[in-house]
Amino acid sequence: MTPREIHRPNPEWLAQAQLDAYNARDVKTFVSLYAPDVEIYNFPMGKPVMKGRAAMEKTYGKMFAANPHLHCRLVNRIVSGEFVTDSELVTGMKGRGEVRATAIYRMREGLIHRVWFIRH
């Protein structure tokens, strides 16, 4: 048994751990918190904009490397069962000012399985 199988993290812990890894720009830890077949959507699109850990690692790895001051501040969090909804303020992305977004995470079996982003 792996440590994750012994102790399955709760949804709020997972959401915070991925936020911490994002802010540290630690792509390996960041993607390890997602399911191998994770799907990421930009609301209201019906098709995923990203599928799988490998795609996440490539995309976020480039973004982290290109934006050394990237930071996501949690404004508000709602936890409801296997869903976590975060209101976020992202700064430090080259060529952009502050970006406000809502992220909805669906957790299963101790990993993040689906993400929906709503940009404001």
C-alpha atoms as a PDB file:
ATOM      1  CA  MET A   1       0.000   0.000   0.000  1.00  0.00           C
ATOM      2  CA  THR A   2       1.139   3.504  -0.768  1.00  0.00           C
ATOM      3  CA  PRO A   3       0.861   6.339   1.772  1.00  0.00           C
ATOM      4  CA  ARG A   4      -1.952   7.842  -0.336  1.00  0.00           C
ATOM      5  CA  GLU A   5      -3.896   4.554  -0.133  1.00  0.00           C
ATOM      6  CA  ILE A   6      -3.494   4.472   3.650  1.00  0.00           C
ATOM      7  CA  HIS A   7      -4.517   8.106   4.123  1.00  0.00           C
ATOM      8  CA  ARG A   8      -6.734   9.573   1.442  1.00  0.00           C
ATOM      9  CA  PRO A   9      -6.543  13.355   1.670  1.00  0.00           C
ATOM     10  CA  ASN A  10      -9.808  15.210   2.126  1.00  0.00           C
ATOM     11  CA  PRO A  11     -11.012  17.602  -0.606  1.00  0.00           C
ATOM     12  CA  GLU A  12     -10.057  20.785   1.250  1.00  0.00           C
ATOM     13  CA  TRP A  13      -6.544  19.472   1.936  1.00  0.00           C
ATOM     14  CA  LEU A  14      -6.111  18.578  -1.755  1.00  0.00           C
ATOM     15  CA  ALA A  15      -7.269  22.014  -2.908  1.00  0.00           C
ATOM     16  CA  GLN A  16      -4.849  23.720  -0.529  1.00  0.00           C
ATOM     17  CA  ALA A  17      -1.946  21.407  -1.374  1.00  0.00           C
ATOM     18  CA  GLN A  18      -2.308  22.068  -5.103  1.00  0.00           C
ATOM     19  CA  LEU A  19      -2.548  25.823  -4.447  1.00  0.00           C
ATOM     20  CA  ASP A  20       0.627  25.693  -2.340  1.00  0.00           C
ATOM     21  CA  ALA A  21       2.464  23.733  -5.065  1.00  0.00           C
ATOM     22  CA  TYR A  22       1.201  26.197  -7.715  1.00  0.00           C
ATOM     23  CA  ASN A  23       2.516  29.152  -5.711  1.00  0.00           C
ATOM     24  CA  ALA A  24       5.853  27.374  -5.206  1.00  0.00           C
ATOM     25  CA  ARG A  25       5.873  26.686  -8.971  1.00  0.00           C
ATOM     26  CA  ASP A  26       6.612  23.046  -8.116  1.00  0.00           C
ATOM     27  CA  VAL A  27       5.167  21.336 -11.176  1.00  0.00           C
ATOM     28  CA  LYS A  28       5.963  17.765 -10.031  1.00  0.00           C
ATOM     29  CA  THR A  29       4.118  18.127  -6.715  1.00  0.00           C
ATOM     30  CA  PHE A  30       1.346  20.121  -8.391  1.00  0.00           C
ATOM     31  CA  VAL A  31       0.499  17.467 -10.987  1.00  0.00           C
ATOM     32  CA  SER A  32       0.907  14.589  -8.498  1.00  0.00           C
ATOM     33  CA  LEU A  33      -2.267  15.790  -6.769  1.00  0.00           C
ATOM     34  CA  TYR A  34      -4.318  15.243  -9.938  1.00  0.00           C
ATOM     35  CA  ALA A  35      -5.674  11.978 -11.320  1.00  0.00           C
ATOM     36  CA  PRO A  36      -3.749  10.502 -14.280  1.00  0.00           C
ATOM     37  CA  ASP A  37      -6.843  11.088 -16.461  1.00  0.00           C
ATOM     38  CA  VAL A  38      -7.710  14.556 -15.086  1.00  0.00           C
ATOM     39  CA  GLU A  39      -9.818  16.792 -17.320  1.00  0.00           C
ATOM     40  CA  ILE A  40      -9.703  20.591 -17.159  1.00  0.00           C
ATOM     41  CA  TYR A  41     -12.433  22.782 -18.617  1.00  0.00           C
ATOM     42  CA  ASN A  42     -12.851  26.512 -19.210  1.00  0.00           C
ATOM     43  CA  PHE A  43     -16.498  27.217 -18.448  1.00  0.00           C
ATOM     44  CA  PRO A  44     -18.828  27.048 -20.392  1.00  0.00           C
ATOM     45  CA  MET A  45     -16.943  24.877 -22.908  1.00  0.00           C
ATOM     46  CA  GLY A  46     -18.225  21.328 -23.189  1.00  0.00           C
ATOM     47  CA  LYS A  47     -14.880  19.796 -24.155  1.00  0.00           C
ATOM     48  CA  PRO A  48     -11.797  19.711 -21.937  1.00  0.00           C
ATOM     49  CA  VAL A  49      -8.995  22.162 -22.738  1.00  0.00           C
ATOM     50  CA  MET A  50      -6.492  19.813 -21.120  1.00  0.00           C
ATOM     51  CA  LYS A  51      -6.502  16.075 -20.432  1.00  0.00           C
ATOM     52  CA  GLY A  52      -4.089  14.065 -18.333  1.00  0.00           C
ATOM     53  CA  ARG A  53      -1.134  14.689 -16.069  1.00  0.00           C
ATOM     54  CA  ALA A  54       1.394  14.754 -18.924  1.00  0.00           C
ATOM     55  CA  ALA A  55      -0.435  17.650 -20.615  1.00  0.00           C
ATOM     56  CA  MET A  56      -0.699  19.450 -17.274  1.00  0.00           C
ATOM     57  CA  GLU A  57       2.999  19.010 -16.547  1.00  0.00           C
ATOM     58  CA  LYS A  58       3.966  20.384 -19.964  1.00  0.00           C
ATOM     59  CA  THR A  59       1.564  23.351 -19.851  1.00  0.00           C
ATOM     60  CA  TYR A  60       2.087  24.349 -16.222  1.00  0.00           C
ATOM     61  CA  GLY A  61       5.836  23.675 -16.391  1.00  0.00           C
ATOM     62  CA  LYS A  62       6.162  26.236 -19.204  1.00  0.00           C
ATOM     63  CA  MET A  63       3.901  28.703 -17.388  1.00  0.00           C
ATOM     64  CA  PHE A  64       5.810  28.383 -14.095  1.00  0.00           C
ATOM     65  CA  ALA A  65       9.176  28.823 -15.857  1.00  0.00           C
ATOM     66  CA  ALA A  66       7.995  31.888 -17.796  1.00  0.00           C
ATOM     67  CA  ASN A  67       6.370  33.593 -14.791  1.00  0.00           C
ATOM     68  CA  PRO A  68       8.710  33.570 -11.761  1.00  0.00           C
ATOM     69  CA  HIS A  69       6.424  35.901  -9.794  1.00  0.00           C
ATOM     70  CA  LEU A  70       3.242  33.944 -10.468  1.00  0.00           C
ATOM     71  CA  HIS A  71       1.005  33.826  -7.402  1.00  0.00           C
ATOM     72  CA  CYS A  72      -2.566  32.751  -6.760  1.00  0.00           C
ATOM     73  CA  ARG A  73      -4.302  34.232  -3.723  1.00  0.00           C
ATOM     74  CA  LEU A  74      -7.299  32.433  -2.312  1.00  0.00           C
ATOM     75  CA  VAL A  75     -10.153  34.907  -1.822  1.00  0.00           C
ATOM     76  CA  ASN A  76     -12.849  32.457  -0.722  1.00  0.00           C
ATOM     77  CA  ARG A  77     -13.324  28.688  -0.496  1.00  0.00           C
ATOM     78  CA  ILE A  78     -16.489  26.591  -0.306  1.00  0.00           C
ATOM     79  CA  VAL A  79     -16.268  22.854   0.379  1.00  0.00           C
ATOM     80  CA  SER A  80     -19.285  20.667  -0.385  1.00  0.00           C
ATOM     81  CA  GLY A  81     -18.728  16.922  -0.405  1.00  0.00           C
ATOM     82  CA  GLU A  82     -16.315  16.005  -3.194  1.00  0.00           C
ATOM     83  CA  PHE A  83     -16.391  19.553  -4.629  1.00  0.00           C
ATOM     84  CA  VAL A  84     -14.231  22.519  -3.648  1.00  0.00           C
ATOM     85  CA  THR A  85     -14.960  25.938  -5.142  1.00  0.00           C
ATOM     86  CA  ASP A  86     -12.190  28.530  -4.869  1.00  0.00           C
ATOM     87  CA  SER A  87     -12.453  32.201  -5.731  1.00  0.00           C
ATOM     88  CA  GLU A  88      -8.926  33.214  -6.745  1.00  0.00           C
ATOM     89  CA  LEU A  89      -6.860  36.254  -7.672  1.00  0.00           C
ATOM     90  CA  VAL A  90      -3.838  35.454  -9.864  1.00  0.00           C
ATOM     91  CA  THR A  91      -0.960  37.922 -10.225  1.00  0.00           C
ATOM     92  CA  GLY A  92       2.520  37.843 -11.719  1.00  0.00           C
ATOM     93  CA  MET A  93       1.606  36.512 -15.154  1.00  0.00           C
ATOM     94  CA  LYS A  94       3.618  38.332 -17.816  1.00  0.00           C
ATOM     95  CA  GLY A  95       1.524  40.552 -20.050  1.00  0.00           C
ATOM     96  CA  ARG A  96      -1.520  40.421 -17.794  1.00  0.00           C
ATOM     97  CA  GLY A  97      -2.734  42.326 -14.806  1.00  0.00           C
ATOM     98  CA  GLU A  98      -4.674  40.665 -12.052  1.00  0.00           C
ATOM     99  CA  VAL A  99      -6.812  37.757 -13.175  1.00  0.00           C
ATOM    100  CA  ARG A 100      -9.904  36.897 -11.155  1.00  0.00           C
ATOM    101  CA  ALA A 101     -11.216  33.385 -11.516  1.00  0.00           C
ATOM    102  CA  THR A 102     -13.324  30.733  -9.882  1.00  0.00           C
ATOM    103  CA  ALA A 103     -12.027  27.172  -9.872  1.00  0.00           C
ATOM    104  CA  ILE A 104     -14.307  24.229  -9.154  1.00  0.00           C
ATOM    105  CA  TYR A 105     -12.454  21.043  -8.246  1.00  0.00           C
ATOM    106  CA  ARG A 106     -14.023  17.592  -8.126  1.00  0.00           C
ATOM    107  CA  MET A 107     -12.138  15.145  -5.930  1.00  0.00           C
ATOM    108  CA  ARG A 108     -12.268  11.362  -6.061  1.00  0.00           C
ATOM    109  CA  GLU A 109     -10.157   8.681  -4.433  1.00  0.00           C
ATOM    110  CA  GLY A 110      -7.778  11.211  -2.908  1.00  0.00           C
ATOM    111  CA  LEU A 111      -7.004  13.051  -6.169  1.00  0.00           C
ATOM    112  CA  ILE A 112      -8.387  15.937  -8.218  1.00  0.00           C
ATOM    113  CA  HIS A 113     -10.320  14.434 -11.161  1.00  0.00           C
ATOM    114  CA  ARG A 114     -12.017  17.410 -12.825  1.00  0.00           C
ATOM    115  CA  VAL A 115     -11.500  21.170 -12.812  1.00  0.00           C
ATOM    116  CA  TRP A 116     -13.734  23.891 -14.217  1.00  0.00           C
ATOM    117  CA  PHE A 117     -12.350  27.437 -14.506  1.00  0.00           C
ATOM    118  CA  ILE A 118     -14.574  30.496 -14.763  1.00  0.00           C
ATOM    119  CA  ARG A 119     -12.697  33.701 -15.599  1.00  0.00           C
ATOM    120  CA  HIS A 120     -14.238  36.975 -14.458  1.00  0.00           C
END
